[in-house]
């Protein structure tokens, strides 16, 4: 399981990045409007963060997303390699 450490790192980076963005946010609003025709329903999320927490939070969250995709690729490649080894052991 080589992807486990990458997955843990991605969760830490995502948590840190989103924590920076949300912890230093102010004047933020969330509104949700339900309407009979579904096309008229609306969801609005406004997060207002200033300064270095906004910049660092976006960068750290981006790194976390990239690490999450890397863990996904590692898990898929590991699964394919494992199935290939099982198929080779059955053929022998």
PDB file of N, CA and C in Angstrom:
ATOM      1  N   UNK A   1       0.840  -1.186   0.000  1.00  0.00           N
ATOM      2  CA  UNK A   1       0.000   0.000   0.000  1.00  0.00           C
ATOM      3  C   UNK A   1       0.880   1.241   0.000  1.00  0.00           C
ATOM      4  N   UNK A   2       1.372   1.578  -1.150  1.00  0.00           N
ATOM      5  CA  UNK A   2       2.222   2.749  -1.262  1.00  0.00           C
ATOM      6  C   UNK A   2       1.408   4.045  -1.294  1.00  0.00           C
ATOM      7  N   UNK A   3       0.123   3.924  -1.568  1.00  0.00           N
ATOM      8  CA  UNK A   3      -0.702   5.118  -1.691  1.00  0.00           C
ATOM      9  C   UNK A   3      -1.195   5.644  -0.348  1.00  0.00           C
ATOM     10  N   UNK A   4      -1.044   4.889   0.731  1.00  0.00           N
ATOM     11  CA  UNK A   4      -1.597   5.274   2.022  1.00  0.00           C
ATOM     12  C   UNK A   4      -0.968   6.570   2.542  1.00  0.00           C
ATOM     13  N   UNK A   5       0.334   6.699   2.426  1.00  0.00           N
ATOM     14  CA  UNK A   5       0.998   7.919   2.907  1.00  0.00           C
ATOM     15  C   UNK A   5       0.608   9.122   2.061  1.00  0.00           C
ATOM     16  N   UNK A   6       0.470   8.908   0.764  1.00  0.00           N
ATOM     17  CA  UNK A   6       0.046  10.005  -0.108  1.00  0.00           C
ATOM     18  C   UNK A   6      -1.371  10.440   0.234  1.00  0.00           C
ATOM     19  N   UNK A   7      -2.234   9.490   0.534  1.00  0.00           N
ATOM     20  CA  UNK A   7      -3.608   9.807   0.902  1.00  0.00           C
ATOM     21  C   UNK A   7      -3.667  10.586   2.211  1.00  0.00           C
ATOM     22  N   UNK A   8      -2.886  10.172   3.203  1.00  0.00           N
ATOM     23  CA  UNK A   8      -2.855  10.886   4.484  1.00  0.00           C
ATOM     24  C   UNK A   8      -2.317  12.305   4.283  1.00  0.00           C
ATOM     25  N   UNK A   9      -1.262  12.444   3.470  1.00  0.00           N
ATOM     26  CA  UNK A   9      -0.709  13.779   3.200  1.00  0.00           C
ATOM     27  C   UNK A   9      -1.732  14.659   2.492  1.00  0.00           C
ATOM     28  N   UNK A  10      -2.498  14.088   1.559  1.00  0.00           N
ATOM     29  CA  UNK A  10      -3.501  14.886   0.847  1.00  0.00           C
ATOM     30  C   UNK A  10      -4.595  15.363   1.796  1.00  0.00           C
ATOM     31  N   UNK A  11      -5.003  14.504   2.726  1.00  0.00           N
ATOM     32  CA  UNK A  11      -6.025  14.901   3.693  1.00  0.00           C
ATOM     33  C   UNK A  11      -5.495  16.010   4.596  1.00  0.00           C
ATOM     34  N   UNK A  12      -4.243  15.912   5.019  1.00  0.00           N
ATOM     35  CA  UNK A  12      -3.658  16.961   5.855  1.00  0.00           C
ATOM     36  C   UNK A  12      -3.569  18.289   5.103  1.00  0.00           C
ATOM     37  N   UNK A  13      -3.116  18.248   3.844  1.00  0.00           N
ATOM     38  CA  UNK A  13      -3.012  19.477   3.066  1.00  0.00           C
ATOM     39  C   UNK A  13      -4.386  20.077   2.793  1.00  0.00           C
ATOM     40  N   UNK A  14      -5.368  19.244   2.464  1.00  0.00           N
ATOM     41  CA  UNK A  14      -6.716  19.766   2.240  1.00  0.00           C
ATOM     42  C   UNK A  14      -7.281  20.401   3.501  1.00  0.00           C
ATOM     43  N   UNK A  15      -7.097  19.738   4.628  1.00  0.00           N
ATOM     44  CA  UNK A  15      -7.592  20.288   5.890  1.00  0.00           C
ATOM     45  C   UNK A  15      -6.904  21.589   6.264  1.00  0.00           C
ATOM     46  N   UNK A  16      -5.593  21.646   6.080  1.00  0.00           N
ATOM     47  CA  UNK A  16      -4.852  22.865   6.408  1.00  0.00           C
ATOM     48  C   UNK A  16      -5.251  24.014   5.484  1.00  0.00           C
ATOM     49  N   UNK A  17      -5.345  23.740   4.193  1.00  0.00           N
ATOM     50  CA  UNK A  17      -5.694  24.791   3.246  1.00  0.00           C
ATOM     51  C   UNK A  17      -7.100  25.328   3.462  1.00  0.00           C
ATOM     52  N   UNK A  18      -8.066  24.423   3.583  1.00  0.00           N
ATOM     53  CA  UNK A  18      -9.436  24.869   3.820  1.00  0.00           C
ATOM     54  C   UNK A  18      -9.583  25.503   5.197  1.00  0.00           C
ATOM     55  N   UNK A  19      -8.812  25.011   6.172  1.00  0.00           N
ATOM     56  CA  UNK A  19      -8.834  25.621   7.498  1.00  0.00           C
ATOM     57  C   UNK A  19      -8.335  27.053   7.475  1.00  0.00           C
ATOM     58  N   UNK A  20      -7.259  27.308   6.719  1.00  0.00           N
ATOM     59  CA  UNK A  20      -6.763  28.690   6.591  1.00  0.00           C
ATOM     60  C   UNK A  20      -7.806  29.588   5.947  1.00  0.00           C
ATOM     61  N   UNK A  21      -8.405  29.104   4.879  1.00  0.00           N
ATOM     62  CA  UNK A  21      -9.389  29.922   4.158  1.00  0.00           C
ATOM     63  C   UNK A  21     -10.594  30.211   5.042  1.00  0.00           C
ATOM     64  N   UNK A  22     -11.122  29.189   5.692  1.00  0.00           N
ATOM     65  CA  UNK A  22     -12.345  29.369   6.470  1.00  0.00           C
ATOM     66  C   UNK A  22     -12.093  30.024   7.828  1.00  0.00           C
ATOM     67  N   UNK A  23     -10.932  29.796   8.419  1.00  0.00           N
ATOM     68  CA  UNK A  23     -10.654  30.366   9.731  1.00  0.00           C
ATOM     69  C   UNK A  23     -10.491  31.884   9.667  1.00  0.00           C
ATOM     70  N   UNK A  24      -9.905  32.378   8.592  1.00  0.00           N
ATOM     71  CA  UNK A  24      -9.679  33.811   8.455  1.00  0.00           C
ATOM     72  C   UNK A  24     -10.745  34.499   7.605  1.00  0.00           C
ATOM     73  N   UNK A  25     -11.849  33.830   7.367  1.00  0.00           N
ATOM     74  CA  UNK A  25     -12.898  34.445   6.558  1.00  0.00           C
ATOM     75  C   UNK A  25     -13.756  35.385   7.411  1.00  0.00           C
ATOM     76  N   UNK A  26     -14.334  36.363   6.767  1.00  0.00           N
ATOM     77  CA  UNK A  26     -15.233  37.300   7.437  1.00  0.00           C
ATOM     78  C   UNK A  26     -16.255  37.792   6.413  1.00  0.00           C
ATOM     79  N   UNK A  27     -17.379  38.270   6.875  1.00  0.00           N
ATOM     80  CA  UNK A  27     -18.467  38.754   6.022  1.00  0.00           C
ATOM     81  C   UNK A  27     -18.882  37.708   4.998  1.00  0.00           C
ATOM     82  N   UNK A  28     -18.884  36.439   5.405  1.00  0.00           N
ATOM     83  CA  UNK A  28     -19.249  35.355   4.504  1.00  0.00           C
ATOM     84  C   UNK A  28     -20.731  35.046   4.647  1.00  0.00           C
ATOM     85  N   UNK A  29     -21.353  34.671   3.552  1.00  0.00           N
ATOM     86  CA  UNK A  29     -22.777  34.350   3.571  1.00  0.00           C
ATOM     87  C   UNK A  29     -23.037  33.082   2.765  1.00  0.00           C
ATOM     88  N   UNK A  30     -24.074  32.386   3.170  1.00  0.00           N
ATOM     89  CA  UNK A  30     -24.563  31.227   2.429  1.00  0.00           C
ATOM     90  C   UNK A  30     -26.065  31.383   2.329  1.00  0.00           C
ATOM     91  N   UNK A  31     -26.579  31.290   1.106  1.00  0.00           N
ATOM     92  CA  UNK A  31     -28.028  31.376   0.926  1.00  0.00           C
ATOM     93  C   UNK A  31     -28.472  30.291  -0.047  1.00  0.00           C
ATOM     94  N   UNK A  32     -29.665  29.769   0.211  1.00  0.00           N
ATOM     95  CA  UNK A  32     -30.234  28.720  -0.626  1.00  0.00           C
ATOM     96  C   UNK A  32     -31.699  29.034  -0.828  1.00  0.00           C
ATOM     97  N   UNK A  33     -32.106  29.098  -2.070  1.00  0.00           N
ATOM     98  CA  UNK A  33     -33.500  29.382  -2.395  1.00  0.00           C
ATOM     99  C   UNK A  33     -34.113  28.225  -3.157  1.00  0.00           C
ATOM    100  N   UNK A  34     -35.245  27.747  -2.654  1.00  0.00           N
ATOM    101  CA  UNK A  34     -35.948  26.639  -3.298  1.00  0.00           C
ATOM    102  C   UNK A  34     -37.118  27.213  -4.077  1.00  0.00           C
ATOM    103  N   UNK A  35     -37.310  26.731  -5.296  1.00  0.00           N
ATOM    104  CA  UNK A  35     -38.415  27.200  -6.123  1.00  0.00           C
ATOM    105  C   UNK A  35     -39.069  26.011  -6.805  1.00  0.00           C
ATOM    106  N   UNK A  36     -40.324  26.206  -7.208  1.00  0.00           N
ATOM    107  CA  UNK A  36     -41.052  25.103  -7.827  1.00  0.00           C
ATOM    108  C   UNK A  36     -40.422  24.623  -9.123  1.00  0.00           C
ATOM    109  N   UNK A  37     -40.195  25.434 -10.116  1.00  0.00           N
ATOM    110  CA  UNK A  37     -39.403  24.890 -11.224  1.00  0.00           C
ATOM    111  C   UNK A  37     -37.953  24.798 -10.757  1.00  0.00           C
ATOM    112  N   UNK A  38     -37.366  23.645 -10.914  1.00  0.00           N
ATOM    113  CA  UNK A  38     -36.019  23.421 -10.397  1.00  0.00           C
ATOM    114  C   UNK A  38     -35.009  24.397 -10.985  1.00  0.00           C
ATOM    115  N   UNK A  39     -35.261  24.918 -12.148  1.00  0.00           N
ATOM    116  CA  UNK A  39     -34.343  25.864 -12.774  1.00  0.00           C
ATOM    117  C   UNK A  39     -34.270  27.180 -12.014  1.00  0.00           C
ATOM    118  N   UNK A  40     -35.273  27.473 -11.192  1.00  0.00           N
ATOM    119  CA  UNK A  40     -35.278  28.725 -10.444  1.00  0.00           C
ATOM    120  C   UNK A  40     -34.621  28.592  -9.069  1.00  0.00           C
ATOM    121  N   UNK A  41     -34.248  27.386  -8.659  1.00  0.00           N
ATOM    122  CA  UNK A  41     -33.576  27.193  -7.373  1.00  0.00           C
ATOM    123  C   UNK A  41     -32.161  27.765  -7.459  1.00  0.00           C
ATOM    124  N   UNK A  42     -31.658  28.247  -6.321  1.00  0.00           N
ATOM    125  CA  UNK A  42     -30.325  28.858  -6.339  1.00  0.00           C
ATOM    126  C   UNK A  42     -29.580  28.574  -5.043  1.00  0.00           C
ATOM    127  N   UNK A  43     -28.262  28.483  -5.175  1.00  0.00           N
ATOM    128  CA  UNK A  43     -27.360  28.325  -4.036  1.00  0.00           C
ATOM    129  C   UNK A  43     -26.244  29.337  -4.224  1.00  0.00           C
ATOM    130  N   UNK A  44     -26.002  30.146  -3.201  1.00  0.00           N
ATOM    131  CA  UNK A  44     -24.949  31.151  -3.275  1.00  0.00           C
ATOM    132  C   UNK A  44     -24.072  31.021  -2.039  1.00  0.00           C
ATOM    133  N   UNK A  45     -22.765  30.834  -2.265  1.00  0.00           N
ATOM    134  CA  UNK A  45     -21.784  30.741  -1.182  1.00  0.00           C
ATOM    135  C   UNK A  45     -20.740  31.823  -1.418  1.00  0.00           C
ATOM    136  N   UNK A  46     -20.590  32.730  -0.456  1.00  0.00           N
ATOM    137  CA  UNK A  46     -19.616  33.809  -0.562  1.00  0.00           C
ATOM    138  C   UNK A  46     -18.658  33.679   0.614  1.00  0.00           C
ATOM    139  N   UNK A  47     -17.388  33.428   0.313  1.00  0.00           N
ATOM    140  CA  UNK A  47     -16.353  33.342   1.338  1.00  0.00           C
ATOM    141  C   UNK A  47     -15.375  34.476   1.086  1.00  0.00           C
ATOM    142  N   UNK A  48     -15.217  35.344   2.060  1.00  0.00           N
ATOM    143  CA  UNK A  48     -14.358  36.512   1.911  1.00  0.00           C
ATOM    144  C   UNK A  48     -13.170  36.364   2.857  1.00  0.00           C
ATOM    145  N   UNK A  49     -11.997  36.118   2.278  1.00  0.00           N
ATOM    146  CA  UNK A  49     -10.761  35.989   3.055  1.00  0.00           C
ATOM    147  C   UNK A  49      -9.723  36.915   2.451  1.00  0.00           C
ATOM    148  N   UNK A  50      -9.041  37.692   3.286  1.00  0.00           N
ATOM    149  CA  UNK A  50      -8.043  38.650   2.808  1.00  0.00           C
ATOM    150  C   UNK A  50      -6.638  38.194   3.174  1.00  0.00           C
ATOM    151  N   UNK A  51      -5.666  38.673   2.390  1.00  0.00           N
ATOM    152  CA  UNK A  51      -4.258  38.548   2.753  1.00  0.00           C
ATOM    153  C   UNK A  51      -3.647  37.191   2.503  1.00  0.00           C
ATOM    154  N   UNK A  52      -2.592  36.922   3.289  1.00  0.00           N
ATOM    155  CA  UNK A  52      -1.819  35.707   3.082  1.00  0.00           C
ATOM    156  C   UNK A  52      -2.615  34.432   3.336  1.00  0.00           C
ATOM    157  N   UNK A  53      -3.591  34.403   4.264  1.00  0.00           N
ATOM    158  CA  UNK A  53      -4.355  33.150   4.409  1.00  0.00           C
ATOM    159  C   UNK A  53      -5.107  32.770   3.136  1.00  0.00           C
ATOM    160  N   UNK A  54      -5.564  33.762   2.400  1.00  0.00           N
ATOM    161  CA  UNK A  54      -6.266  33.469   1.146  1.00  0.00           C
ATOM    162  C   UNK A  54      -5.306  32.876   0.126  1.00  0.00           C
ATOM    163  N   UNK A  55      -4.144  33.472  -0.032  1.00  0.00           N
ATOM    164  CA  UNK A  55      -3.178  32.978  -1.014  1.00  0.00           C
ATOM    165  C   UNK A  55      -2.618  31.620  -0.600  1.00  0.00           C
ATOM    166  N   UNK A  56      -2.190  31.498   0.649  1.00  0.00           N
ATOM    167  CA  UNK A  56      -1.606  30.239   1.118  1.00  0.00           C
ATOM    168  C   UNK A  56      -2.659  29.135   1.146  1.00  0.00           C
ATOM    169  N   UNK A  57      -3.884  29.475   1.535  1.00  0.00           N
ATOM    170  CA  UNK A  57      -4.944  28.474   1.589  1.00  0.00           C
ATOM    171  C   UNK A  57      -5.258  27.880   0.232  1.00  0.00           C
ATOM    172  N   UNK A  58      -5.287  28.713  -0.796  1.00  0.00           N
ATOM    173  CA  UNK A  58      -5.558  28.218  -2.146  1.00  0.00           C
ATOM    174  C   UNK A  58      -4.418  27.330  -2.629  1.00  0.00           C
ATOM    175  N   UNK A  59      -3.179  27.742  -2.385  1.00  0.00           N
ATOM    176  CA  UNK A  59      -2.022  26.951  -2.826  1.00  0.00           C
ATOM    177  C   UNK A  59      -1.979  25.612  -2.089  1.00  0.00           C
ATOM    178  N   UNK A  60      -2.167  25.633  -0.782  1.00  0.00           N
ATOM    179  CA  UNK A  60      -2.104  24.398   0.006  1.00  0.00           C
ATOM    180  C   UNK A  60      -3.263  23.472  -0.349  1.00  0.00           C
ATOM    181  N   UNK A  61      -4.447  24.020  -0.581  1.00  0.00           N
ATOM    182  CA  UNK A  61      -5.582  23.204  -1.008  1.00  0.00           C
ATOM    183  C   UNK A  61      -5.314  22.593  -2.379  1.00  0.00           C
ATOM    184  N   UNK A  62      -4.712  23.352  -3.283  1.00  0.00           N
ATOM    185  CA  UNK A  62      -4.350  22.822  -4.602  1.00  0.00           C
ATOM    186  C   UNK A  62      -3.360  21.677  -4.504  1.00  0.00           C
ATOM    187  N   UNK A  63      -2.373  21.803  -3.616  1.00  0.00           N
ATOM    188  CA  UNK A  63      -1.411  20.715  -3.400  1.00  0.00           C
ATOM    189  C   UNK A  63      -2.141  19.481  -2.856  1.00  0.00           C
ATOM    190  N   UNK A  64      -3.082  19.695  -1.957  1.00  0.00           N
ATOM    191  CA  UNK A  64      -3.857  18.576  -1.415  1.00  0.00           C
ATOM    192  C   UNK A  64      -4.669  17.863  -2.479  1.00  0.00           C
ATOM    193  N   UNK A  65      -5.254  18.619  -3.404  1.00  0.00           N
ATOM    194  CA  UNK A  65      -6.020  18.014  -4.500  1.00  0.00           C
ATOM    195  C   UNK A  65      -5.102  17.215  -5.411  1.00  0.00           C
ATOM    196  N   UNK A  66      -3.926  17.766  -5.722  1.00  0.00           N
ATOM    197  CA  UNK A  66      -2.969  17.031  -6.555  1.00  0.00           C
ATOM    198  C   UNK A  66      -2.507  15.749  -5.869  1.00  0.00           C
ATOM    199  N   UNK A  67      -2.247  15.807  -4.566  1.00  0.00           N
ATOM    200  CA  UNK A  67      -1.850  14.609  -3.831  1.00  0.00           C
ATOM    201  C   UNK A  67      -2.979  13.577  -3.797  1.00  0.00           C
ATOM    202  N   UNK A  68      -4.216  14.045  -3.731  1.00  0.00           N
ATOM    203  CA  UNK A  68      -5.351  13.128  -3.742  1.00  0.00           C
ATOM    204  C   UNK A  68      -5.438  12.390  -5.075  1.00  0.00           C
ATOM    205  N   UNK A  69      -5.231  13.112  -6.178  1.00  0.00           N
ATOM    206  CA  UNK A  69      -5.221  12.457  -7.489  1.00  0.00           C
ATOM    207  C   UNK A  69      -4.036  11.507  -7.609  1.00  0.00           C
ATOM    208  N   UNK A  70      -2.885  11.875  -7.052  1.00  0.00           N
ATOM    209  CA  UNK A  70      -1.718  10.997  -7.085  1.00  0.00           C
ATOM    210  C   UNK A  70      -1.995   9.711  -6.302  1.00  0.00           C
ATOM    211  N   UNK A  71      -2.664   9.814  -5.151  1.00  0.00           N
ATOM    212  CA  UNK A  71      -3.007   8.622  -4.371  1.00  0.00           C
ATOM    213  C   UNK A  71      -3.984   7.742  -5.144  1.00  0.00           C
ATOM    214  N   UNK A  72      -4.904   8.354  -5.871  1.00  0.00           N
ATOM    215  CA  UNK A  72      -5.849   7.586  -6.687  1.00  0.00           C
ATOM    216  C   UNK A  72      -5.122   6.817  -7.786  1.00  0.00           C
ATOM    217  N   UNK A  73      -4.202   7.479  -8.462  1.00  0.00           N
ATOM    218  CA  UNK A  73      -3.438   6.823  -9.521  1.00  0.00           C
ATOM    219  C   UNK A  73      -2.576   5.705  -8.944  1.00  0.00           C
ATOM    220  N   UNK A  74      -1.936   5.944  -7.800  1.00  0.00           N
ATOM    221  CA  UNK A  74      -1.117   4.911  -7.169  1.00  0.00           C
ATOM    222  C   UNK A  74      -1.963   3.705  -6.775  1.00  0.00           C
ATOM    223  N   UNK A  75      -3.153   3.942  -6.259  1.00  0.00           N
ATOM    224  CA  UNK A  75      -4.029   2.839  -5.865  1.00  0.00           C
ATOM    225  C   UNK A  75      -4.482   2.045  -7.086  1.00  0.00           C
ATOM    226  N   UNK A  76      -4.839   2.734  -8.163  1.00  0.00           N
ATOM    227  CA  UNK A  76      -5.260   2.040  -9.380  1.00  0.00           C
ATOM    228  C   UNK A  76      -4.119   1.232  -9.979  1.00  0.00           C
ATOM    229  N   UNK A  77      -2.928   1.804 -10.047  1.00  0.00           N
ATOM    230  CA  UNK A  77      -1.779   1.075 -10.590  1.00  0.00           C
ATOM    231  C   UNK A  77      -1.413  -0.118  -9.712  1.00  0.00           C
ATOM    232  N   UNK A  78      -1.503   0.047  -8.413  1.00  0.00           N
ATOM    233  CA  UNK A  78      -1.236  -1.064  -7.508  1.00  0.00           C
ATOM    234  C   UNK A  78      -2.248  -2.187  -7.677  1.00  0.00           C
ATOM    235  N   UNK A  79      -3.498  -1.836  -7.880  1.00  0.00           N
ATOM    236  CA  UNK A  79      -4.538  -2.849  -8.089  1.00  0.00           C
ATOM    237  C   UNK A  79      -4.322  -3.592  -9.404  1.00  0.00           C
ATOM    238  N   UNK A  80      -3.975  -2.878 -10.452  1.00  0.00           N
ATOM    239  CA  UNK A  80      -3.712  -3.512 -11.749  1.00  0.00           C
ATOM    240  C   UNK A  80      -2.496  -4.425 -11.657  1.00  0.00           C
ATOM    241  N   UNK A  81      -1.444  -3.992 -10.992  1.00  0.00           N
ATOM    242  CA  UNK A  81      -0.239  -4.813 -10.842  1.00  0.00           C
ATOM    243  C   UNK A  81      -0.534  -6.064 -10.022  1.00  0.00           C
ATOM    244  N   UNK A  82      -1.338  -5.926  -8.983  1.00  0.00           N
ATOM    245  CA  UNK A  82      -1.683  -7.069  -8.141  1.00  0.00           C
ATOM    246  C   UNK A  82      -2.500  -8.095  -8.920  1.00  0.00           C
ATOM    247  N   UNK A  83      -3.444  -7.628  -9.718  1.00  0.00           N
ATOM    248  CA  UNK A  83      -4.243  -8.554 -10.524  1.00  0.00           C
ATOM    249  C   UNK A  83      -3.394  -9.226 -11.596  1.00  0.00           C
ATOM    250  N   UNK A  84      -2.416  -8.503 -12.128  1.00  0.00           N
ATOM    251  CA  UNK A  84      -1.511  -9.091 -13.109  1.00  0.00           C
ATOM    252  C   UNK A  84      -0.669 -10.191 -12.493  1.00  0.00           C
ATOM    253  N   UNK A  85      -0.224  -9.980 -11.259  1.00  0.00           N
ATOM    254  CA  UNK A  85       0.565 -11.004 -10.575  1.00  0.00           C
ATOM    255  C   UNK A  85      -0.273 -12.222 -10.271  1.00  0.00           C
ATOM    256  N   UNK A  86      -1.544 -12.017  -9.908  1.00  0.00           N
ATOM    257  CA  UNK A  86      -2.423 -13.146  -9.634  1.00  0.00           C
ATOM    258  C   UNK A  86      -2.690 -13.949 -10.899  1.00  0.00           C
ATOM    259  N   UNK A  87      -2.862 -13.256 -12.014  1.00  0.00           N
ATOM    260  CA  UNK A  87      -3.094 -13.944 -13.283  1.00  0.00           C
ATOM    261  C   UNK A  87      -1.843 -14.732 -13.702  1.00  0.00           C
ATOM    262  N   UNK A  88      -0.669 -14.179 -13.471  1.00  0.00           N
ATOM    263  CA  UNK A  88       0.582 -14.884 -13.815  1.00  0.00           C
ATOM    264  C   UNK A  88       0.782 -16.104 -12.920  1.00  0.00           C
ATOM    265  N   UNK A  89       0.426 -16.003 -11.658  1.00  0.00           N
ATOM    266  CA  UNK A  89       0.600 -17.130 -10.746  1.00  0.00           C
ATOM    267  C   UNK A  89      -0.388 -18.260 -11.077  1.00  0.00           C
ATOM    268  N   UNK A  90      -1.556 -17.944 -11.574  1.00  0.00           N
ATOM    269  CA  UNK A  90      -2.533 -18.970 -11.968  1.00  0.00           C
ATOM    270  C   UNK A  90      -2.101 -19.660 -13.254  1.00  0.00           C
ATOM    271  N   UNK A  91      -1.470 -18.906 -14.158  1.00  0.00           N
ATOM    272  CA  UNK A  91      -1.051 -19.479 -15.439  1.00  0.00           C
ATOM    273  C   UNK A  91       0.150 -20.419 -15.263  1.00  0.00           C
ATOM    274  N   UNK A  92       0.948 -20.189 -14.236  1.00  0.00           N
ATOM    275  CA  UNK A  92       2.164 -21.009 -14.053  1.00  0.00           C
ATOM    276  C   UNK A  92       1.901 -22.337 -13.418  1.00  0.00           C
TER     277      UNK A  92
END
